Amino acid sequence: MKYCSISEAAAKFHIPESTLRYYEKKGLLPLIERDAAGRRLYSENQLSLLGTVICLKNTHMPISQIKQYIDWILQGDSTIERRLAMMKQHKQAVLAEISLMTESLQGIDFKINRYTNHQSKGELGQS
């Protein structure tokens, strides 16, 4: 099996090494192997799991829920239904956030257009 170092894993995902250490401390990256000198070794499976953790974190899933998800993975196939339900629920939360952000972006675009129009006419408004 191929392994990479903490610096290689951090570079691959464009995150600091301290983030990897934090994720490990919080139980999001269990079963990290170490070499004879005690340096962390990330397997392809660990990198795949890290990709999932980053995806969930980037979509604002709380650390506690990510930890629950990881715990269910470690428990095996008996938890697939729970994992599926969690992912479906999280997807709905992400879609709701995207909708809110899209709506908010329209408000920002309105202001940009308003200010651009005022500038082109040589006048600035209060709002």
Protein backbone atom coordinates (compact mmCIF):
# COMPACT_ATOMS: atom_id res chain seq x y z
CA MET A 1 0.00 0.00 0.00
CA LYS A 2 1.23 3.49 -0.83
CA TYR A 3 1.53 6.09 1.95
CA CYS A 4 2.25 9.79 2.05
CA SER A 5 3.52 12.11 4.75
CA ILE A 6 1.55 14.77 6.57
CA SER A 7 3.15 17.47 4.42
CA GLU A 8 2.21 15.64 1.23
CA ALA A 9 -1.37 15.11 2.46
CA ALA A 10 -1.66 18.76 3.47
CA ALA A 11 -0.34 19.91 0.09
CA LYS A 12 -2.70 17.59 -1.78
CA PHE A 13 -5.74 19.16 -0.09
CA HIS A 14 -4.34 22.71 0.20
CA ILE A 15 -4.72 22.77 3.98
CA PRO A 16 -2.20 23.37 6.77
CA GLU A 17 -0.61 20.42 8.54
CA SER A 18 -2.09 21.78 11.77
CA THR A 19 -5.57 21.13 10.34
CA LEU A 20 -4.69 17.48 9.81
CA ARG A 21 -3.43 17.22 13.37
CA TYR A 22 -6.63 18.90 14.62
CA TYR A 23 -8.83 16.51 12.61
CA GLU A 24 -6.92 13.56 14.02
CA LYS A 25 -7.25 14.92 17.57
CA LYS A 26 -11.01 15.32 17.10
CA GLY A 27 -11.32 11.74 15.88
CA LEU A 28 -12.09 12.61 12.26
CA LEU A 29 -9.05 10.74 10.96
CA PRO A 30 -8.87 7.54 13.00
CA LEU A 31 -6.32 4.79 12.63
CA ILE A 32 -3.52 6.98 11.25
CA GLU A 33 -0.44 4.83 11.03
CA ARG A 34 3.00 6.04 11.99
CA ASP A 35 6.48 5.16 10.83
CA ALA A 36 9.31 4.04 13.12
CA ALA A 37 10.11 7.69 13.90
CA GLY A 38 6.49 8.42 14.88
CA ARG A 39 5.64 10.44 11.76
CA ARG A 40 2.08 10.17 10.48
CA LEU A 41 1.51 8.07 7.37
CA TYR A 42 -1.60 8.59 5.26
CA SER A 43 -2.82 5.64 3.19
CA GLU A 44 -4.98 5.99 0.09
CA ASN A 45 -7.98 5.08 2.26
CA GLN A 46 -7.06 7.78 4.77
CA LEU A 47 -6.71 10.34 1.97
CA SER A 48 -10.13 9.36 0.65
CA LEU A 49 -11.61 9.77 4.13
CA LEU A 50 -9.83 13.11 4.49
CA GLY A 51 -11.41 14.24 1.22
CA THR A 52 -14.83 13.38 2.65
CA VAL A 53 -14.10 15.21 5.92
CA ILE A 54 -13.02 18.31 3.99
CA CYS A 55 -16.12 18.14 1.79
CA LEU A 56 -18.40 17.95 4.81
CA LYS A 57 -16.49 20.71 6.62
CA ASN A 58 -16.61 22.94 3.53
CA THR A 59 -20.38 22.49 3.43
CA HIS A 60 -20.61 23.60 7.07
CA MET A 61 -21.35 20.27 8.72
CA PRO A 62 -20.42 20.63 12.40
CA ILE A 63 -17.37 18.70 13.64
CA SER A 64 -19.61 16.73 16.01
CA GLN A 65 -21.72 15.44 13.11
CA ILE A 66 -18.65 14.63 11.04
CA LYS A 67 -17.33 12.69 14.02
CA GLN A 68 -20.60 10.76 14.24
CA TYR A 69 -20.36 9.97 10.53
CA ILE A 70 -16.78 8.71 10.94
CA ASP A 71 -17.81 6.60 13.94
CA TRP A 72 -20.55 5.01 11.83
CA ILE A 73 -18.04 4.25 9.08
CA LEU A 74 -15.85 2.47 11.62
CA GLN A 75 -18.84 0.43 12.81
CA GLY A 76 -19.27 -1.00 9.33
CA ASP A 77 -22.11 -1.77 6.96
CA SER A 78 -24.71 -1.99 9.73
CA THR A 79 -24.73 1.83 9.80
CA ILE A 80 -25.22 2.47 6.09
CA GLU A 81 -28.87 3.48 6.57
CA ARG A 82 -27.90 6.03 9.22
CA ARG A 83 -25.10 7.39 7.03
CA LEU A 84 -27.45 7.66 4.08
CA ALA A 85 -30.04 9.51 6.17
CA MET A 86 -27.35 11.87 7.47
CA MET A 87 -26.10 12.63 3.95
CA LYS A 88 -29.65 13.25 2.66
CA GLN A 89 -30.36 15.59 5.57
CA HIS A 90 -27.07 17.41 5.07
CA LYS A 91 -27.74 17.76 1.35
CA GLN A 92 -31.03 19.50 2.14
CA ALA A 93 -29.25 21.86 4.53
CA VAL A 94 -26.63 22.66 1.86
CA LEU A 95 -29.30 23.29 -0.77
CA ALA A 96 -31.12 25.63 1.63
CA GLU A 97 -27.88 27.51 2.28
CA ILE A 98 -27.18 27.76 -1.46
CA SER A 99 -30.67 29.15 -1.98
CA LEU A 100 -30.18 31.74 0.76
CA MET A 101 -26.77 32.71 -0.61
CA THR A 102 -28.17 33.02 -4.14
CA GLU A 103 -30.95 35.25 -2.86
CA SER A 104 -28.46 37.35 -0.90
CA LEU A 105 -26.20 37.60 -3.92
CA GLN A 106 -29.08 39.11 -5.87
CA GLY A 107 -29.31 41.83 -3.21
CA ILE A 108 -25.59 42.50 -3.53
CA ASP A 109 -25.85 42.65 -7.32
CA PHE A 110 -28.71 45.14 -6.95
CA LYS A 111 -26.50 47.41 -4.84
CA ILE A 112 -23.56 47.07 -7.23
CA ASN A 113 -25.77 48.02 -10.16
CA ARG A 114 -27.26 50.91 -8.21
CA TYR A 115 -23.85 52.30 -7.25
CA THR A 116 -22.48 51.77 -10.75
CA ASN A 117 -25.41 53.70 -12.21
CA HIS A 118 -24.94 56.51 -9.69
CA GLN A 119 -21.22 56.71 -10.48
CA SER A 120 -21.83 56.87 -14.20
CA LYS A 121 -24.27 59.75 -13.61
CA GLY A 122 -21.80 61.46 -11.27
CA GLU A 123 -23.95 61.15 -8.14
CA LEU A 124 -23.69 58.93 -5.09
CA GLY A 125 -26.64 57.86 -2.97
CA GLN A 126 -26.87 57.18 0.75
CA SER A 127 -27.88 53.51 0.50
